[in-house]
């Protein structure tokens, strides 16, 4: 939830650009992979940044969000380019009164023909979270961090309990920042209705989910940078796990009871380790 004074459209575009740049720096969005979107529950004027407009069908019906705005990355656009030229790489969508269509506002230098292929999942998760929490802001970041994605290709790590215990054992801060743990979504075709449904369900319980053999998606009702932080925490844990595997597992990391003690000391209600 964002309190007044609300960020301007310029502020929001800057945040998306910074997030895209950092996602690229941690090798989580090679080429044009990765995508970012923001739900904005207050009035903004897109005219200066996005003067071109056209009506588009929405991938799912969202009548509950009629009149609301989304900033969304364009298909085929590199996230590292957003900070340099947001008008070319981002679109702004205002949901129509019927919730079935929207007005896509674009910049004069727009470089894409349509929004990200994961727009169906972004929009569904946004709707679900807004309806569940009543928040006036929601950010979603999808990336393909190297080590986390690699581990999800190993069958043993496609067990949600094992994945959580393996990644949370390397840094005491992880349980503090992700007390509900991480969700695991089996492999589905990117941009599919199956991926959308599975992700929306998993994100009812988690702020970050791993898409098996694909990447991760994280959400925040405070900022895109906060969603990115969650990806960094998990990717760091995955890097430690990879190093331990490469070294033939000479160490076991933090013990479960040590992680529980960290959470208890900091009064963190967590769902990963039994108390």
Protein backbone atom coordinates (compact mmCIF):
# COMPACT_ATOMS: atom_id res chain seq x y z
CA UNK A 1 0.00 0.00 0.00
CA UNK A 2 1.30 3.44 -0.98
CA UNK A 3 0.32 6.49 1.07
CA UNK A 4 0.00 10.06 -0.29
CA UNK A 5 1.71 11.94 -1.75
CA UNK A 6 1.61 9.37 -4.54
CA UNK A 7 4.55 8.81 -6.88
CA UNK A 8 4.28 10.61 -10.21
CA UNK A 9 4.37 8.74 -13.49
CA UNK A 10 7.96 9.91 -13.88
CA UNK A 11 8.81 8.39 -10.48
CA UNK A 12 7.19 5.09 -11.44
CA UNK A 13 8.99 4.88 -14.78
CA UNK A 14 12.29 5.56 -13.03
CA UNK A 15 11.63 2.73 -10.56
CA UNK A 16 10.86 0.29 -13.37
CA UNK A 17 14.04 1.37 -15.16
CA UNK A 18 16.17 0.92 -12.05
CA UNK A 19 14.66 -2.50 -11.43
CA UNK A 20 15.28 -3.62 -15.00
CA UNK A 21 18.87 -2.40 -14.85
CA UNK A 22 19.57 -4.28 -11.64
CA UNK A 23 17.88 -7.44 -12.92
CA UNK A 24 20.24 -7.31 -15.88
CA UNK A 25 23.26 -6.73 -13.62
CA UNK A 26 22.57 -9.96 -11.73
CA UNK A 27 22.25 -11.92 -15.00
CA UNK A 28 18.54 -12.56 -14.58
CA UNK A 29 17.23 -11.22 -17.89
CA UNK A 30 19.39 -12.17 -20.85
CA UNK A 31 18.39 -10.54 -24.13
CA UNK A 32 14.73 -9.59 -24.04
CA UNK A 33 13.79 -12.06 -21.29
CA UNK A 34 12.19 -10.93 -18.05
CA UNK A 35 9.28 -8.56 -17.53
CA UNK A 36 7.95 -6.04 -15.03
CA UNK A 37 4.53 -4.57 -14.35
CA UNK A 38 2.97 -2.18 -11.85
CA UNK A 39 -0.65 -1.81 -10.78
CA UNK A 40 -1.52 1.80 -9.93
CA UNK A 41 -4.68 2.51 -7.98
CA UNK A 42 -4.69 6.31 -8.24
CA UNK A 43 -5.15 8.75 -11.09
CA UNK A 44 -2.20 9.47 -13.35
CA UNK A 45 -1.92 11.40 -16.61
CA UNK A 46 -0.05 9.44 -19.30
CA UNK A 47 -0.28 12.07 -22.03
CA UNK A 48 3.24 13.51 -21.84
CA UNK A 49 5.03 10.15 -21.75
CA UNK A 50 2.57 8.01 -23.70
CA UNK A 51 0.58 10.14 -26.19
CA UNK A 52 -0.32 7.34 -28.64
CA UNK A 53 -3.40 5.27 -27.79
CA UNK A 54 -5.20 2.20 -29.04
CA UNK A 55 -7.82 -0.17 -27.68
CA UNK A 56 -6.64 -3.69 -26.87
CA UNK A 57 -8.39 -6.81 -25.54
CA UNK A 58 -7.29 -7.87 -22.08
CA UNK A 59 -6.07 -11.46 -21.68
CA UNK A 60 -8.42 -11.97 -18.72
CA UNK A 61 -11.49 -10.05 -17.61
CA UNK A 62 -10.87 -7.69 -14.68
CA UNK A 63 -14.08 -5.64 -14.20
CA UNK A 64 -13.07 -5.05 -10.56
CA UNK A 65 -10.15 -2.92 -11.80
CA UNK A 66 -12.09 -0.75 -14.27
CA UNK A 67 -10.41 2.62 -14.74
CA UNK A 68 -7.19 1.56 -13.04
CA UNK A 69 -3.73 1.75 -14.60
CA UNK A 70 -0.86 -0.63 -15.29
CA UNK A 71 2.67 0.06 -16.45
CA UNK A 72 3.91 -2.98 -18.39
CA UNK A 73 7.07 -3.87 -20.28
CA UNK A 74 6.76 -4.49 -24.01
CA UNK A 75 7.37 -7.82 -25.71
CA UNK A 76 10.87 -8.11 -27.17
CA UNK A 77 12.21 -5.16 -25.16
CA UNK A 78 15.38 -5.46 -23.11
CA UNK A 79 14.88 -4.58 -19.45
CA UNK A 80 18.32 -2.97 -19.37
CA UNK A 81 17.05 -0.42 -21.92
CA UNK A 82 14.06 0.76 -19.88
CA UNK A 83 16.03 3.21 -17.76
CA UNK A 84 17.47 4.81 -20.90
CA UNK A 85 14.23 5.04 -22.86
CA UNK A 86 11.04 4.16 -20.95
CA UNK A 87 8.80 5.59 -23.68
CA UNK A 88 10.20 3.02 -26.12
CA UNK A 89 10.02 -0.02 -23.85
CA UNK A 90 6.97 0.46 -21.61
CA UNK A 91 3.26 0.77 -22.17
CA UNK A 92 0.54 2.12 -19.90
CA UNK A 93 -2.81 0.34 -19.85
CA UNK A 94 -6.03 1.79 -18.47
CA UNK A 95 -8.68 -0.87 -17.92
CA UNK A 96 -11.96 -0.16 -19.70
CA UNK A 97 -15.33 0.06 -17.97
CA UNK A 98 -16.26 -3.47 -19.04
CA UNK A 99 -13.04 -4.97 -17.73
CA UNK A 100 -12.61 -6.85 -21.01
CA UNK A 101 -10.60 -4.27 -22.92
CA UNK A 102 -8.26 -1.43 -22.16
CA UNK A 103 -6.58 1.62 -23.62
CA UNK A 104 -2.91 0.98 -24.33
CA UNK A 105 -0.96 4.23 -24.19
CA UNK A 106 2.43 4.23 -25.92
CA UNK A 107 5.31 6.60 -26.45
CA UNK A 108 6.18 8.18 -29.79
CA UNK A 109 9.33 6.03 -29.89
CA UNK A 110 7.55 2.78 -28.96
CA UNK A 111 9.59 -0.25 -30.05
CA UNK A 112 7.10 -3.07 -29.42
CA UNK A 113 3.95 -4.37 -31.08
CA UNK A 114 2.37 -5.92 -27.99
CA UNK A 115 2.89 -6.22 -24.26
CA UNK A 116 4.99 -8.93 -22.65
CA UNK A 117 3.91 -12.49 -23.36
CA UNK A 118 3.51 -13.00 -19.60
CA UNK A 119 0.89 -10.22 -19.39
CA UNK A 120 -1.85 -12.79 -18.74
CA UNK A 121 -0.10 -13.97 -15.57
CA UNK A 122 0.82 -10.46 -14.43
CA UNK A 123 -2.74 -9.20 -14.82
CA UNK A 124 -4.27 -12.20 -13.06
CA UNK A 125 -1.91 -12.00 -10.09
CA UNK A 126 -2.43 -8.23 -9.82
CA UNK A 127 -6.21 -8.67 -9.76
CA UNK A 128 -6.04 -11.47 -7.22
CA UNK A 129 -3.76 -9.58 -4.85
CA UNK A 130 -5.65 -6.29 -5.14
CA UNK A 131 -8.96 -8.03 -4.41
CA UNK A 132 -7.49 -9.96 -1.48
CA UNK A 133 -5.64 -7.08 0.19
CA UNK A 134 -7.27 -3.88 -1.09
CA UNK A 135 -3.85 -2.43 -1.89
CA UNK A 136 -3.59 0.58 -4.20
CA UNK A 137 -0.23 -0.53 -5.59
CA UNK A 138 1.26 -3.84 -6.65
CA UNK A 139 4.51 -4.67 -8.45
CA UNK A 140 5.48 -7.89 -10.22
CA UNK A 141 8.97 -8.78 -11.45
CA UNK A 142 9.81 -11.86 -13.51
CA UNK A 143 13.38 -12.86 -14.23
CA UNK A 144 15.49 -15.89 -15.00
CA UNK A 145 18.27 -15.81 -12.38
CA UNK A 146 20.98 -18.25 -13.36
CA UNK A 147 21.49 -20.39 -10.26
CA UNK A 148 17.87 -20.58 -9.12
CA UNK A 149 16.76 -21.54 -12.61
CA UNK A 150 19.54 -24.12 -12.91
CA UNK A 151 18.57 -25.82 -9.64
CA UNK A 152 14.97 -26.07 -10.83
CA UNK A 153 16.22 -28.27 -13.69
CA UNK A 154 17.43 -30.84 -11.13
CA UNK A 155 14.55 -33.19 -10.25
CA UNK A 156 15.30 -33.24 -6.50
CA UNK A 157 14.95 -29.46 -6.27
CA UNK A 158 11.49 -29.56 -7.80
CA UNK A 159 10.25 -30.57 -4.38
CA UNK A 160 9.02 -27.39 -2.67
CA UNK A 161 10.09 -28.41 0.85
CA UNK A 162 13.58 -29.46 -0.25
CA UNK A 163 14.00 -26.32 -2.34
CA UNK A 164 13.06 -24.06 0.57
CA UNK A 165 15.29 -25.83 3.07
CA UNK A 166 18.20 -25.88 0.61
CA UNK A 167 18.08 -22.18 -0.22
CA UNK A 168 17.22 -20.81 3.23
CA UNK A 169 20.17 -22.47 4.97
CA UNK A 170 22.87 -20.20 3.59
CA UNK A 171 22.04 -16.77 5.00
CA UNK A 172 20.22 -15.90 8.21
CA UNK A 173 18.57 -12.91 6.50
CA UNK A 174 16.60 -15.07 4.08
CA UNK A 175 13.97 -16.23 6.59
CA UNK A 176 13.52 -12.65 7.78
CA UNK A 177 12.76 -11.38 4.29
CA UNK A 178 10.77 -14.37 2.99
CA UNK A 179 9.00 -15.77 6.06
CA UNK A 180 6.32 -17.51 3.97
CA UNK A 181 8.99 -19.30 1.98
CA UNK A 182 9.01 -19.72 -1.78
CA UNK A 183 6.39 -21.44 -3.88
CA UNK A 184 7.17 -23.87 -6.65
CA UNK A 185 5.19 -24.01 -9.88
CA UNK A 186 5.76 -27.04 -12.17
CA UNK A 187 6.83 -26.33 -15.72
CA UNK A 188 4.13 -24.87 -17.94
CA UNK A 189 4.41 -23.25 -21.36
CA UNK A 190 5.44 -19.57 -20.93
CA UNK A 191 2.50 -17.21 -21.31
CA UNK A 192 -0.05 -20.01 -20.99
CA UNK A 193 -3.32 -20.12 -19.07
CA UNK A 194 -1.93 -23.08 -17.09
CA UNK A 195 1.08 -21.06 -15.92
CA UNK A 196 -1.19 -18.14 -15.07
CA UNK A 197 -3.54 -20.24 -12.94
CA UNK A 198 -0.78 -22.10 -11.10
CA UNK A 199 1.13 -18.88 -10.38
CA UNK A 200 -1.89 -16.96 -9.10
CA UNK A 201 -2.68 -19.82 -6.72
CA UNK A 202 0.91 -20.11 -5.45
CA UNK A 203 1.16 -16.36 -4.94
CA UNK A 204 -1.77 -16.41 -2.57
CA UNK A 205 0.67 -17.93 -0.07
CA UNK A 206 4.04 -16.64 -1.26
CA UNK A 207 5.66 -13.40 -2.41
CA UNK A 208 8.05 -15.31 -4.67
CA UNK A 209 7.53 -18.42 -6.76
CA UNK A 210 9.97 -20.46 -8.78
CA UNK A 211 8.78 -21.47 -12.23
CA UNK A 212 10.41 -24.86 -12.75
CA UNK A 213 12.89 -24.85 -15.65
CA UNK A 214 12.02 -21.21 -16.41
CA UNK A 215 12.72 -18.60 -13.73
CA UNK A 216 11.01 -16.77 -10.86
CA UNK A 217 8.23 -14.27 -10.27
CA UNK A 218 8.14 -11.97 -7.24
CA UNK A 219 5.58 -9.45 -6.05
CA UNK A 220 5.37 -6.51 -3.65
CA UNK A 221 2.68 -4.02 -2.66
CA UNK A 222 5.35 -1.44 -1.86
CA UNK A 223 7.82 -1.23 -4.77
CA UNK A 224 9.30 -3.07 -7.73
CA UNK A 225 12.68 -2.79 -6.06
CA UNK A 226 11.38 -4.70 -3.05
CA UNK A 227 10.16 -7.51 -5.32
CA UNK A 228 13.61 -7.54 -6.91
CA UNK A 229 15.21 -7.77 -3.46
CA UNK A 230 13.38 -11.05 -2.91
CA UNK A 231 14.80 -12.41 -6.14
CA UNK A 232 18.30 -11.39 -5.05
CA UNK A 233 17.93 -13.13 -1.68
CA UNK A 234 16.83 -16.38 -3.29
CA UNK A 235 19.40 -16.19 -6.08
CA UNK A 236 22.15 -15.72 -3.49
CA UNK A 237 20.96 -18.82 -1.67
CA UNK A 238 20.87 -20.73 -4.95
CA UNK A 239 24.42 -19.61 -5.73
CA UNK A 240 25.62 -20.94 -2.36
CA UNK A 241 23.76 -24.20 -3.03
CA UNK A 242 25.38 -24.51 -6.45
CA UNK A 243 28.85 -23.89 -4.97
CA UNK A 244 28.23 -26.54 -2.33
CA UNK A 245 27.14 -29.05 -4.97
CA UNK A 246 30.21 -28.25 -7.08
CA UNK A 247 32.44 -28.78 -4.03
CA UNK A 248 30.74 -32.16 -3.34
CA UNK A 249 28.72 -30.78 -0.42
CA UNK A 250 31.38 -30.33 2.30
CA UNK A 251 29.05 -28.20 4.47
CA UNK A 252 25.43 -28.27 5.55
CA UNK A 253 24.85 -24.54 6.11
CA UNK A 254 22.62 -23.26 8.88
CA UNK A 255 20.75 -25.95 10.81
CA UNK A 256 16.96 -25.76 10.86
CA UNK A 257 16.90 -24.99 14.60
CA UNK A 258 19.35 -22.12 14.05
CA UNK A 259 17.07 -20.60 11.43
CA UNK A 260 14.09 -21.02 13.77
CA UNK A 261 16.03 -19.22 16.50
CA UNK A 262 16.76 -16.34 14.12
CA UNK A 263 13.07 -16.00 13.29
CA UNK A 264 12.05 -16.26 16.94
CA UNK A 265 14.57 -13.63 18.03
CA UNK A 266 13.34 -11.20 15.39
CA UNK A 267 9.68 -12.14 16.08
CA UNK A 268 9.21 -13.35 12.50
CA UNK A 269 6.19 -15.58 11.93
CA UNK A 270 7.52 -18.05 9.37
CA UNK A 271 6.06 -21.05 7.56
CA UNK A 272 9.22 -22.74 6.30
CA UNK A 273 10.65 -24.56 9.32
CA UNK A 274 8.80 -26.30 12.12
CA UNK A 275 9.18 -24.61 15.48
